[in-house]
Protein backbone atom coordinates (compact mmCIF):
# COMPACT_ATOMS: atom_id res chain seq x y z
CA TYR A 1 80.26 -11.80 29.57
CA ASN A 2 77.64 -12.32 32.29
CA SER A 3 77.53 -8.81 33.73
CA GLU A 4 79.73 -5.78 34.18
CA LEU A 5 81.19 -7.44 37.28
CA GLN A 6 81.29 -11.06 36.13
CA THR A 7 83.18 -12.64 33.28
CA VAL A 8 83.66 -16.37 32.80
CA ILE A 9 86.71 -17.79 31.07
CA ALA A 10 87.09 -21.29 29.72
CA GLY A 11 89.75 -23.37 28.07
CA ASP A 12 92.39 -25.97 28.76
CA SER A 13 92.50 -26.73 32.50
CA SER A 14 96.20 -25.87 32.85
CA ALA A 15 95.58 -22.47 31.23
CA ILE A 16 92.61 -21.89 33.54
CA HIS A 17 94.70 -22.69 36.63
CA GLN A 18 97.36 -20.25 35.44
CA ALA A 19 94.72 -17.58 34.77
CA VAL A 20 93.24 -18.07 38.27
CA SER A 21 96.62 -17.39 39.80
CA LEU A 22 97.27 -14.34 37.60
CA LEU A 23 93.82 -12.87 38.26
CA LYS A 24 94.12 -13.30 42.02
CA ASN A 25 97.57 -11.69 41.99
CA ALA A 26 96.15 -8.81 39.93
CA GLY A 27 93.55 -8.14 42.63
CA ALA A 28 90.39 -9.78 41.31
CA LYS A 29 87.78 -9.82 44.08
CA LEU A 30 86.58 -13.35 43.38
CA VAL A 31 88.08 -16.00 41.15
CA LYS A 32 86.28 -19.31 41.32
CA PRO A 33 86.85 -22.34 39.08
CA LEU A 34 83.52 -23.79 37.97
CA PRO A 35 82.93 -27.55 38.10
CA VAL A 36 82.25 -28.16 34.40
CA SER A 37 83.31 -31.03 32.17
CA VAL A 38 83.77 -29.16 28.87
CA ALA A 39 85.10 -25.80 27.70
CA SER A 40 81.74 -24.57 26.42
CA HIS A 41 81.61 -21.37 24.42
CA THR A 42 85.24 -21.65 23.29
CA THR A 43 86.84 -22.62 20.00
CA ILE A 44 87.76 -25.94 21.63
CA MET A 45 84.12 -26.86 20.93
CA LYS A 46 84.21 -25.99 17.20
CA ASN A 47 84.17 -29.67 16.13
CA CYS A 48 81.16 -30.30 18.36
CA SER A 49 79.41 -27.35 16.73
CA GLU A 50 80.03 -28.77 13.27
CA ASN A 51 78.56 -32.13 14.34
CA LEU A 52 75.51 -30.38 15.81
CA SER A 53 75.05 -28.43 12.59
CA LYS A 54 75.08 -31.60 10.48
CA ARG A 55 72.39 -33.13 12.70
CA LEU A 56 70.19 -30.05 12.87
CA LEU A 57 70.27 -29.60 9.10
CA ASN A 58 68.59 -33.02 8.81
CA ILE A 59 65.61 -31.85 10.86
CA GLU A 60 62.80 -29.79 9.41
CA PHE A 61 62.19 -26.63 11.43
CA THR A 62 59.67 -23.87 10.93
CA ASN A 63 60.25 -20.21 11.67
CA ALA A 64 59.71 -19.21 15.30
CA ALA A 65 56.30 -17.81 16.16
CA PHE A 66 57.98 -15.19 18.37
CA PRO A 67 61.30 -13.35 18.29
CA VAL A 68 64.31 -15.32 19.54
CA PHE A 69 67.24 -13.43 21.05
CA HIS A 70 70.67 -14.92 20.44
CA ASN A 71 73.32 -14.47 23.09
CA ILE A 72 76.20 -14.80 20.63
CA ASP A 73 75.49 -11.31 19.29
CA ALA A 74 72.40 -10.04 21.19
CA SER A 75 70.43 -10.03 17.94
CA CYS A 76 66.79 -10.96 17.55
CA LYS A 77 65.86 -13.33 14.74
CA ASN A 78 63.07 -15.79 14.11
CA SER A 79 63.90 -17.58 10.86
CA SER A 80 64.68 -21.25 11.38
CA SER A 81 67.94 -20.98 9.44
CA ASP A 82 69.13 -18.06 11.62
CA ILE A 83 68.17 -19.93 14.80
CA ILE A 84 70.03 -23.07 13.73
CA GLU A 85 73.10 -21.03 12.74
CA SER A 86 73.10 -19.14 16.05
CA LEU A 87 72.57 -22.30 18.07
CA CYS A 88 75.55 -23.95 16.42
CA LYS A 89 77.72 -20.85 16.88
CA GLN A 90 76.70 -20.66 20.54
CA VAL A 91 78.55 -23.91 21.23
CA TYR A 92 81.91 -22.23 20.50
CA SER A 93 81.21 -18.49 20.91
CA PRO A 94 81.33 -16.32 24.03
CA VAL A 95 77.99 -15.70 25.72
CA LEU A 96 77.03 -12.03 25.61
CA TRP A 97 74.50 -12.36 28.45
CA SER A 98 74.62 -8.78 29.69
CA LYS A 99 74.35 -7.32 26.19
CA THR A 100 71.49 -9.69 25.32
CA ILE A 101 69.49 -8.83 28.45
CA LYS A 102 70.01 -5.09 27.87
CA GLU A 103 68.83 -5.54 24.26
CA MET A 104 65.74 -7.38 25.48
CA CYS A 105 65.00 -4.60 27.97
CA ASP A 106 65.37 -2.06 25.14
CA ASP A 107 62.67 -4.08 23.34
CA ASN A 108 60.38 -3.57 26.38
CA ILE A 109 60.80 -7.06 27.78
CA SER A 110 60.70 -6.72 31.56
CA THR A 111 59.71 -10.15 32.88
CA PHE A 112 62.10 -13.09 32.73
CA ILE A 113 61.47 -16.71 33.66
CA GLU A 114 64.45 -18.95 34.38
CA ILE A 115 63.59 -22.61 33.97
CA GLY A 116 65.92 -25.20 35.48
CA PRO A 117 67.87 -25.83 38.64
CA GLY A 118 69.05 -22.79 40.56
CA ASN A 119 68.61 -19.08 39.94
CA VAL A 120 71.98 -17.92 38.63
CA LEU A 121 70.55 -16.19 35.56
CA SER A 122 67.85 -14.44 37.59
CA GLY A 123 70.56 -13.07 39.86
CA LEU A 124 72.61 -11.88 36.89
CA ASN A 125 69.55 -10.20 35.39
CA LYS A 126 68.89 -8.28 38.62
CA ARG A 127 72.49 -7.01 38.53
CA ILE A 128 72.09 -5.95 34.90
CA SER A 129 68.84 -4.05 35.57
CA LYS A 130 67.03 -3.50 38.87
CA ASP A 131 63.77 -3.06 36.91
CA ILE A 132 63.70 -6.67 35.70
CA GLU A 133 61.04 -8.96 37.16
CA THR A 134 62.43 -12.49 37.48
CA HIS A 135 60.98 -15.86 38.31
CA SER A 136 63.01 -19.02 38.87
CA ILE A 137 61.21 -22.26 38.10
CA SER A 138 62.78 -25.50 39.21
CA ASN A 139 59.74 -27.79 39.39
CA TYR A 140 56.16 -28.18 38.25
CA ASN A 141 54.65 -26.73 41.45
CA VAL A 142 56.42 -23.41 40.86
CA ILE A 143 55.14 -23.35 37.27
CA SER A 144 51.58 -23.90 38.51
CA GLU A 145 51.92 -21.08 41.07
CA LEU A 146 53.32 -18.68 38.46
CA ILE A 147 50.53 -19.47 35.98
CA ALA A 148 47.93 -18.90 38.71
CA GLU A 149 49.23 -15.35 39.35
């Protein structure tokens, strides 16, 4: 659930192709298959989540020094056990991006930094709230410029 105007679906490729056809016929403005290799954030990934959980439980983590928002339920938690649980659930649960960003804004967070290739999340954030300040960082030079500001 990326924004009020954008929802992503995932699943078996034949079901996705059928859904694309149905959505277009129903009048959806834009239906675009994404080039991904796995059905992330669906129950198809439950086994992967269980494997991740087993591995993470063998690593010693401390509680986060700052609040961590979880996009599986838009909650804010900082205990290591809650973070591990949420991370494992995120593998097979829908992403509540819009709800999470709104919750962060309600907690007076107004500046967001997207780290990685592209600026998809920054664009989504601007659609969720015009008041959000966003920065997209895709390389070290951009990080240096942002820190210098």
